[in-house]
Amino acid sequence: RAGIAGSVVTENGAIVTMRHITSICIRIARRHDGCASALAAEMIGPSGLRSALIAGEPSSGKTSLLRDLARQLAGGRMGRRYRTVVVDERGELSGEGGLSECDVLLHCPKGAGIQQAVRCLAPDVILFDELGSAEEVQAVLAGLNAGVAAVASAHCRDIPSLLRRPCVRMALDSGAFDCVVALDGRKSPGVWRRIYETGELYDYQSHRPAALGGGGGVSGLFGGGRSESPGGCS
């Protein structure tokens, strides 16, 4: 994956191309099979799959966890095979392979892809990267009302900054996600610090002490592990 900086050319307020390239940020994606094993176990509740938002700063392992979580759920590694749909708008989730047992909607806008999956692919769970628009929130809600779980990611520095994002707050207020998985940060990619039940997050808005609980042992992408610690995904 390459991010490009330079002079942006716009048309009617939309970016159409770039010129005079000044720098390129190259990110090499790699599969990390097994990195979501501990998280996958937490996603299965008494009434079935839970909907979750994986939150963390850039390079904290959100996409790698999503990719491996899809692989494990679809492959029956959690005791049964879940019909799994991956809506991969930018080609980042499925680009490294490993999702042959999933239904993948490649280069499909997330909002439209979620609706298409619910109507045509009979999924148990839909996974997609970066919750970013009101349309996507409404599509997730429509899917949940149809009995489909959703797992997505969101960029944030910590839990208070996550709650300041209007579309994320809309999703949490409406009950689109059962829990938020707070990642440890770019220094520990793939390590989740704590799982917050959605109701716990409102303690941050009222400045009351957050209730403790949720989460468990955690494991990182590159081996080793961390015990749970309180706080956000700083």
C-alpha atoms as a PDB file:
ATOM      1  CA  ARG A   1       0.000   0.000   0.000  1.00  0.00           C
ATOM      2  CA  ALA A   2       1.378   3.387  -0.971  1.00  0.00           C
ATOM      3  CA  GLY A   3       0.275   6.793   0.277  1.00  0.00           C
ATOM      4  CA  ILE A   4       1.245   9.714  -1.956  1.00  0.00           C
ATOM      5  CA  ALA A   5       1.880  13.355  -1.003  1.00  0.00           C
ATOM      6  CA  GLY A   6       2.079  16.212  -3.479  1.00  0.00           C
ATOM      7  CA  SER A   7      -0.149  18.747  -5.258  1.00  0.00           C
ATOM      8  CA  VAL A   8      -3.783  17.698  -5.253  1.00  0.00           C
ATOM      9  CA  VAL A   9      -6.002  18.350  -8.283  1.00  0.00           C
ATOM     10  CA  THR A  10      -9.706  18.743  -7.458  1.00  0.00           C
ATOM     11  CA  GLU A  11     -12.847  18.974  -9.540  1.00  0.00           C
ATOM     12  CA  ASN A  12     -16.194  20.044  -8.057  1.00  0.00           C
ATOM     13  CA  GLY A  13     -14.718  19.631  -4.599  1.00  0.00           C
ATOM     14  CA  ALA A  14     -13.517  16.047  -5.179  1.00  0.00           C
ATOM     15  CA  ILE A  15      -9.908  14.877  -5.584  1.00  0.00           C
ATOM     16  CA  VAL A  16      -9.365  13.577  -9.127  1.00  0.00           C
ATOM     17  CA  THR A  17      -5.590  13.177  -9.311  1.00  0.00           C
ATOM     18  CA  MET A  18      -2.230  14.348  -7.938  1.00  0.00           C
ATOM     19  CA  ARG A  19       0.802  15.925  -9.540  1.00  0.00           C
ATOM     20  CA  HIS A  20       4.289  17.054  -8.469  1.00  0.00           C
ATOM     21  CA  ILE A  21       4.720  14.050  -6.153  1.00  0.00           C
ATOM     22  CA  THR A  22       6.899  14.949  -3.163  1.00  0.00           C
ATOM     23  CA  SER A  23       6.898  11.754  -1.104  1.00  0.00           C
ATOM     24  CA  ILE A  24       5.528   8.216  -0.957  1.00  0.00           C
ATOM     25  CA  CYS A  25       4.692   6.292   2.230  1.00  0.00           C
ATOM     26  CA  ILE A  26       5.019   2.557   1.497  1.00  0.00           C
ATOM     27  CA  ARG A  27       3.335   0.049   3.815  1.00  0.00           C
ATOM     28  CA  ILE A  28       3.962  -3.649   3.190  1.00  0.00           C
ATOM     29  CA  ALA A  29       0.976  -5.753   4.266  1.00  0.00           C
ATOM     30  CA  ARG A  30       1.638  -9.235   5.627  1.00  0.00           C
ATOM     31  CA  ARG A  31      -0.620 -12.003   6.837  1.00  0.00           C
ATOM     32  CA  HIS A  32      -0.437 -12.833  10.535  1.00  0.00           C
ATOM     33  CA  ASP A  33      -2.480 -16.022  10.788  1.00  0.00           C
ATOM     34  CA  GLY A  34      -3.608 -16.683  14.335  1.00  0.00           C
ATOM     35  CA  CYS A  35      -3.248 -13.113  15.614  1.00  0.00           C
ATOM     36  CA  ALA A  36      -7.018 -12.846  16.272  1.00  0.00           C
ATOM     37  CA  SER A  37      -7.421 -16.157  18.140  1.00  0.00           C
ATOM     38  CA  ALA A  38      -7.976 -14.587  21.574  1.00  0.00           C
ATOM     39  CA  LEU A  39     -10.220 -11.893  20.123  1.00  0.00           C
ATOM     40  CA  ALA A  40     -12.332 -14.400  18.163  1.00  0.00           C
ATOM     41  CA  ALA A  41     -13.156 -16.237  21.392  1.00  0.00           C
ATOM     42  CA  GLU A  42     -14.396 -12.951  22.924  1.00  0.00           C
ATOM     43  CA  MET A  43     -16.651 -12.253  19.928  1.00  0.00           C
ATOM     44  CA  ILE A  44     -18.885 -15.265  20.623  1.00  0.00           C
ATOM     45  CA  GLY A  45     -21.465 -14.567  23.317  1.00  0.00           C
ATOM     46  CA  PRO A  46     -24.294 -16.641  24.801  1.00  0.00           C
ATOM     47  CA  SER A  47     -26.695 -15.524  22.065  1.00  0.00           C
ATOM     48  CA  GLY A  48     -24.233 -15.804  19.169  1.00  0.00           C
ATOM     49  CA  LEU A  49     -21.748 -13.520  17.460  1.00  0.00           C
ATOM     50  CA  ARG A  50     -21.297 -10.076  18.941  1.00  0.00           C
ATOM     51  CA  SER A  51     -20.903  -6.920  16.859  1.00  0.00           C
ATOM     52  CA  ALA A  52     -17.634  -5.146  17.597  1.00  0.00           C
ATOM     53  CA  LEU A  53     -15.727  -1.987  16.697  1.00  0.00           C
ATOM     54  CA  ILE A  54     -11.928  -2.398  16.695  1.00  0.00           C
ATOM     55  CA  ALA A  55     -10.438   0.995  17.637  1.00  0.00           C
ATOM     56  CA  GLY A  56      -6.859   2.190  17.519  1.00  0.00           C
ATOM     57  CA  GLU A  57      -4.364   4.586  16.007  1.00  0.00           C
ATOM     58  CA  PRO A  58      -2.772   4.031  12.566  1.00  0.00           C
ATOM     59  CA  SER A  59      -0.454   0.987  12.394  1.00  0.00           C
ATOM     60  CA  SER A  60      -1.910  -0.562  15.563  1.00  0.00           C
ATOM     61  CA  GLY A  61      -3.007  -3.743  13.760  1.00  0.00           C
ATOM     62  CA  LYS A  62      -6.701  -3.105  13.027  1.00  0.00           C
ATOM     63  CA  THR A  63      -6.659  -4.489   9.471  1.00  0.00           C
ATOM     64  CA  SER A  64      -4.554  -7.531  10.380  1.00  0.00           C
ATOM     65  CA  LEU A  65      -6.946  -8.421  13.209  1.00  0.00           C
ATOM     66  CA  LEU A  66      -9.986  -7.983  10.949  1.00  0.00           C
ATOM     67  CA  ARG A  67      -8.451 -10.164   8.235  1.00  0.00           C
ATOM     68  CA  ASP A  68      -7.548 -12.999  10.614  1.00  0.00           C
ATOM     69  CA  LEU A  69     -10.857 -12.740  12.460  1.00  0.00           C
ATOM     70  CA  ALA A  70     -12.686 -13.229   9.139  1.00  0.00           C
ATOM     71  CA  ARG A  71     -10.457 -16.211   8.315  1.00  0.00           C
ATOM     72  CA  GLN A  72     -11.074 -17.880  11.661  1.00  0.00           C
ATOM     73  CA  LEU A  73     -14.835 -17.346  11.711  1.00  0.00           C
ATOM     74  CA  ALA A  74     -15.303 -18.555   8.130  1.00  0.00           C
ATOM     75  CA  GLY A  75     -12.937 -21.504   8.547  1.00  0.00           C
ATOM     76  CA  GLY A  76     -14.703 -23.051  11.516  1.00  0.00           C
ATOM     77  CA  ARG A  77     -11.827 -22.457  13.916  1.00  0.00           C
ATOM     78  CA  MET A  78     -14.228 -21.314  16.657  1.00  0.00           C
ATOM     79  CA  GLY A  79     -16.272 -24.524  16.735  1.00  0.00           C
ATOM     80  CA  ARG A  80     -18.504 -23.888  13.721  1.00  0.00           C
ATOM     81  CA  ARG A  81     -18.352 -22.184  10.342  1.00  0.00           C
ATOM     82  CA  TYR A  82     -19.916 -18.739  10.226  1.00  0.00           C
ATOM     83  CA  ARG A  83     -21.073 -17.413   6.871  1.00  0.00           C
ATOM     84  CA  THR A  84     -18.687 -14.480   6.589  1.00  0.00           C
ATOM     85  CA  VAL A  85     -18.780 -11.547   4.176  1.00  0.00           C
ATOM     86  CA  VAL A  86     -15.857  -9.125   3.832  1.00  0.00           C
ATOM     87  CA  VAL A  87     -16.663  -5.763   2.233  1.00  0.00           C
ATOM     88  CA  ASP A  88     -13.231  -4.692   0.990  1.00  0.00           C
ATOM     89  CA  GLU A  89     -13.599  -1.219  -0.488  1.00  0.00           C
ATOM     90  CA  ARG A  90      -9.866  -0.511  -0.897  1.00  0.00           C
ATOM     91  CA  GLY A  91      -8.546  -4.041  -1.473  1.00  0.00           C
ATOM     92  CA  GLU A  92      -6.594  -4.044   1.800  1.00  0.00           C
ATOM     93  CA  LEU A  93      -8.426  -6.767   3.713  1.00  0.00           C
ATOM     94  CA  SER A  94      -8.301  -9.463   1.036  1.00  0.00           C
ATOM     95  CA  GLY A  95      -5.100  -8.414  -0.744  1.00  0.00           C
ATOM     96  CA  GLU A  96      -2.846 -10.882   1.072  1.00  0.00           C
ATOM     97  CA  GLY A  97      -5.079 -13.913   0.537  1.00  0.00           C
ATOM     98  CA  GLY A  98      -6.319 -16.268   3.234  1.00  0.00           C
ATOM     99  CA  LEU A  99      -9.998 -15.378   2.791  1.00  0.00           C
ATOM    100  CA  SER A 100     -10.940 -18.113   0.309  1.00  0.00           C
ATOM    101  CA  GLU A 101     -13.697 -19.334   2.650  1.00  0.00           C
ATOM    102  CA  CYS A 102     -15.269 -15.867   2.881  1.00  0.00           C
ATOM    103  CA  ASP A 103     -17.532 -14.071   0.437  1.00  0.00           C
ATOM    104  CA  VAL A 104     -15.531 -10.975  -0.558  1.00  0.00           C
ATOM    105  CA  LEU A 105     -17.027  -7.857  -2.177  1.00  0.00           C
ATOM    106  CA  LEU A 106     -13.874  -6.260  -3.589  1.00  0.00           C
ATOM    107  CA  HIS A 107     -13.688  -2.523  -4.406  1.00  0.00           C
ATOM    108  CA  CYS A 108     -17.304  -2.132  -3.335  1.00  0.00           C
ATOM    109  CA  PRO A 109     -18.426   0.969  -1.372  1.00  0.00           C
ATOM    110  CA  LYS A 110     -19.018  -0.138   2.188  1.00  0.00           C
ATOM    111  CA  GLY A 111     -22.567   1.140   2.608  1.00  0.00           C
ATOM    112  CA  ALA A 112     -23.772  -0.447  -0.634  1.00  0.00           C
ATOM    113  CA  GLY A 113     -21.754  -3.619   0.014  1.00  0.00           C
ATOM    114  CA  ILE A 114     -23.281  -4.170   3.450  1.00  0.00           C
ATOM    115  CA  GLN A 115     -26.775  -3.821   2.029  1.00  0.00           C
ATOM    116  CA  GLN A 116     -25.927  -6.131  -0.892  1.00  0.00           C
ATOM    117  CA  ALA A 117     -24.515  -8.750   1.483  1.00  0.00           C
ATOM    118  CA  VAL A 118     -27.605  -8.719   3.704  1.00  0.00           C
ATOM    119  CA  ARG A 119     -29.954  -9.042   0.736  1.00  0.00           C
ATOM    120  CA  CYS A 120     -28.084 -11.652  -1.303  1.00  0.00           C
ATOM    121  CA  LEU A 121     -25.396 -13.530   0.651  1.00  0.00           C
ATOM    122  CA  ALA A 122     -27.185 -14.654   3.851  1.00  0.00           C
ATOM    123  CA  PRO A 123     -24.247 -13.791   6.149  1.00  0.00           C
ATOM    124  CA  ASP A 124     -23.867 -14.446   9.853  1.00  0.00           C
ATOM    125  CA  VAL A 125     -21.306 -11.634  10.082  1.00  0.00           C
ATOM    126  CA  ILE A 126     -20.026  -8.795   7.892  1.00  0.00           C
ATOM    127  CA  LEU A 127     -16.530  -7.333   8.337  1.00  0.00           C
ATOM    128  CA  PHE A 128     -15.213  -4.091   6.874  1.00  0.00           C
ATOM    129  CA  ASP A 129     -12.410  -1.602   7.467  1.00  0.00           C
ATOM    130  CA  GLU A 130     -12.866   1.955   8.791  1.00  0.00           C
ATOM    131  CA  LEU A 131     -16.358   3.024   9.765  1.00  0.00           C
ATOM    132  CA  GLY A 132     -16.500   6.482   8.277  1.00  0.00           C
ATOM    133  CA  SER A 133     -19.910   7.731   7.124  1.00  0.00           C
ATOM    134  CA  ALA A 134     -23.523   8.026   8.189  1.00  0.00           C
ATOM    135  CA  GLU A 135     -24.483   5.815   5.227  1.00  0.00           C
ATOM    136  CA  GLU A 136     -22.274   3.024   6.584  1.00  0.00           C
ATOM    137  CA  VAL A 137     -23.808   3.372  10.059  1.00  0.00           C
ATOM    138  CA  GLN A 138     -27.317   3.098   8.617  1.00  0.00           C
ATOM    139  CA  ALA A 139     -26.267   0.037   6.577  1.00  0.00           C
ATOM    140  CA  VAL A 140     -24.848  -1.638   9.698  1.00  0.00           C
ATOM    141  CA  LEU A 141     -28.081  -0.929  11.585  1.00  0.00           C
ATOM    142  CA  ALA A 142     -30.146  -2.391   8.759  1.00  0.00           C
ATOM    143  CA  GLY A 143     -27.985  -5.509   8.861  1.00  0.00           C
ATOM    144  CA  LEU A 144     -28.303  -5.864  12.619  1.00  0.00           C
ATOM    145  CA  ASN A 145     -32.062  -5.533  12.393  1.00  0.00           C
ATOM    146  CA  ALA A 146     -31.902  -8.432   9.923  1.00  0.00           C
ATOM    147  CA  GLY A 147     -29.942 -10.553  12.413  1.00  0.00           C
ATOM    148  CA  VAL A 148     -26.430 -10.002  10.995  1.00  0.00           C
ATOM    149  CA  ALA A 149     -23.440  -9.179  13.229  1.00  0.00           C
ATOM    150  CA  ALA A 150     -20.882  -6.578  12.107  1.00  0.00           C
ATOM    151  CA  VAL A 151     -17.192  -6.110  12.906  1.00  0.00           C
ATOM    152  CA  ALA A 152     -15.487  -2.901  11.743  1.00  0.00           C
ATOM    153  CA  SER A 153     -12.503  -0.726  12.593  1.00  0.00           C
ATOM    154  CA  ALA A 154     -12.153   2.953  13.496  1.00  0.00           C
ATOM    155  CA  HIS A 155      -9.170   5.276  13.865  1.00  0.00           C
ATOM    156  CA  CYS A 156      -8.748   7.029  17.209  1.00  0.00           C
ATOM    157  CA  ARG A 157      -6.090   8.100  19.679  1.00  0.00           C
ATOM    158  CA  ASP A 158      -8.051   6.985  22.758  1.00  0.00           C
ATOM    159  CA  ILE A 159     -11.614   6.340  23.862  1.00  0.00           C
ATOM    160  CA  PRO A 160     -12.580  10.026  24.382  1.00  0.00           C
ATOM    161  CA  SER A 161     -11.353  10.873  20.873  1.00  0.00           C
ATOM    162  CA  LEU A 162     -13.321   7.908  19.503  1.00  0.00           C
ATOM    163  CA  LEU A 163     -16.508   9.260  21.072  1.00  0.00           C
ATOM    164  CA  ARG A 164     -15.895  12.681  19.508  1.00  0.00           C
ATOM    165  CA  ARG A 165     -16.262  11.218  16.006  1.00  0.00           C
ATOM    166  CA  PRO A 166     -19.910  11.939  15.027  1.00  0.00           C
ATOM    167  CA  CYS A 167     -20.504   8.807  12.922  1.00  0.00           C
ATOM    168  CA  VAL A 168     -18.917   6.530  15.517  1.00  0.00           C
ATOM    169  CA  ARG A 169     -20.971   8.122  18.257  1.00  0.00           C
ATOM    170  CA  MET A 170     -24.090   7.692  16.112  1.00  0.00           C
ATOM    171  CA  ALA A 171     -23.307   3.987  15.718  1.00  0.00           C
ATOM    172  CA  LEU A 172     -22.702   3.472  19.432  1.00  0.00           C
ATOM    173  CA  ASP A 173     -25.785   5.488  20.459  1.00  0.00           C
ATOM    174  CA  SER A 174     -27.966   3.414  18.146  1.00  0.00           C
ATOM    175  CA  GLY A 175     -26.669   0.070  19.426  1.00  0.00           C
ATOM    176  CA  ALA A 176     -24.898  -0.920  16.206  1.00  0.00           C
ATOM    177  CA  PHE A 177     -21.992  -2.458  18.166  1.00  0.00           C
ATOM    178  CA  ASP A 178     -22.074  -4.510  21.337  1.00  0.00           C
ATOM    179  CA  CYS A 179     -18.516  -3.688  22.313  1.00  0.00           C
ATOM    180  CA  VAL A 180     -15.375  -1.725  21.435  1.00  0.00           C
ATOM    181  CA  VAL A 181     -11.971  -3.426  21.262  1.00  0.00           C
ATOM    182  CA  ALA A 182      -9.312  -0.888  22.304  1.00  0.00           C
ATOM    183  CA  LEU A 183      -5.912  -1.630  20.772  1.00  0.00           C
ATOM    184  CA  ASP A 184      -2.664  -0.905  22.585  1.00  0.00           C
ATOM    185  CA  GLY A 185      -1.087   1.254  19.860  1.00  0.00           C
ATOM    186  CA  ARG A 186       1.460   1.214  17.069  1.00  0.00           C
ATOM    187  CA  LYS A 187       4.256   0.068  19.394  1.00  0.00           C
ATOM    188  CA  SER A 188       2.353  -3.172  20.042  1.00  0.00           C
ATOM    189  CA  PRO A 189       0.505  -3.950  16.780  1.00  0.00           C
ATOM    190  CA  GLY A 190      -2.354  -6.390  17.166  1.00  0.00           C
ATOM    191  CA  VAL A 191      -2.396  -6.240  20.968  1.00  0.00           C
ATOM    192  CA  TRP A 192      -5.771  -5.325  22.422  1.00  0.00           C
ATOM    193  CA  ARG A 193      -5.689  -3.590  25.753  1.00  0.00           C
ATOM    194  CA  ARG A 194      -9.297  -4.029  26.791  1.00  0.00           C
ATOM    195  CA  ILE A 195     -12.785  -4.794  25.503  1.00  0.00           C
ATOM    196  CA  TYR A 196     -15.368  -2.220  26.568  1.00  0.00           C
ATOM    197  CA  GLU A 197     -19.051  -2.994  26.606  1.00  0.00           C
ATOM    198  CA  THR A 198     -20.783  -0.151  24.772  1.00  0.00           C
ATOM    199  CA  GLY A 199     -22.565   1.007  27.926  1.00  0.00           C
ATOM    200  CA  GLU A 200     -19.247   1.525  29.705  1.00  0.00           C
ATOM    201  CA  LEU A 201     -18.118   4.153  27.216  1.00  0.00           C
ATOM    202  CA  TYR A 202     -20.642   6.713  28.360  1.00  0.00           C
ATOM    203  CA  ASP A 203     -18.823   6.992  31.674  1.00  0.00           C
ATOM    204  CA  TYR A 204     -16.141   8.855  29.716  1.00  0.00           C
ATOM    205  CA  GLN A 205     -18.663  11.452  28.546  1.00  0.00           C
ATOM    206  CA  SER A 206     -20.023  12.049  32.073  1.00  0.00           C
ATOM    207  CA  HIS A 207     -16.527  11.960  33.628  1.00  0.00           C
ATOM    208  CA  ARG A 208     -17.521   9.153  35.973  1.00  0.00           C
ATOM    209  CA  PRO A 209     -15.045   6.309  36.608  1.00  0.00           C
ATOM    210  CA  ALA A 210     -15.412   3.684  33.886  1.00  0.00           C
ATOM    211  CA  ALA A 211     -16.680   0.317  35.062  1.00  0.00           C
ATOM    212  CA  LEU A 212     -14.023  -2.346  34.986  1.00  0.00           C
ATOM    213  CA  GLY A 213     -14.572  -5.639  33.263  1.00  0.00           C
ATOM    214  CA  GLY A 214     -14.553  -7.271  29.837  1.00  0.00           C
ATOM    215  CA  GLY A 215     -11.474  -8.395  27.985  1.00  0.00           C
ATOM    216  CA  GLY A 216      -9.078 -11.080  28.980  1.00  0.00           C
ATOM    217  CA  GLY A 217      -5.624 -12.249  28.123  1.00  0.00           C
ATOM    218  CA  VAL A 218      -4.261 -10.660  24.982  1.00  0.00           C
ATOM    219  CA  SER A 219      -1.767 -11.681  22.364  1.00  0.00           C
ATOM    220  CA  GLY A 220       0.123  -9.643  19.805  1.00  0.00           C
ATOM    221  CA  LEU A 221       0.807 -10.166  16.135  1.00  0.00           C
ATOM    222  CA  PHE A 222       4.418 -11.117  16.678  1.00  0.00           C
ATOM    223  CA  GLY A 223       4.153 -13.480  19.648  1.00  0.00           C
ATOM    224  CA  GLY A 224       4.253 -12.770  23.333  1.00  0.00           C
ATOM    225  CA  GLY A 225       1.336 -11.221  25.152  1.00  0.00           C
ATOM    226  CA  ARG A 226       0.072  -8.666  27.618  1.00  0.00           C
ATOM    227  CA  SER A 227      -2.273  -8.863  30.527  1.00  0.00           C
ATOM    228  CA  GLU A 228      -5.320  -6.633  30.413  1.00  0.00           C
ATOM    229  CA  SER A 229      -4.817  -3.062  31.600  1.00  0.00           C
ATOM    230  CA  PRO A 230      -7.443  -0.327  32.080  1.00  0.00           C
ATOM    231  CA  GLY A 231      -7.666   2.736  29.862  1.00  0.00           C
ATOM    232  CA  GLY A 232      -8.136   3.590  26.213  1.00  0.00           C
ATOM    233  CA  CYS A 233      -6.226   2.774  23.056  1.00  0.00           C
ATOM    234  CA  SER A 234      -3.469   5.331  23.426  1.00  0.00           C
END
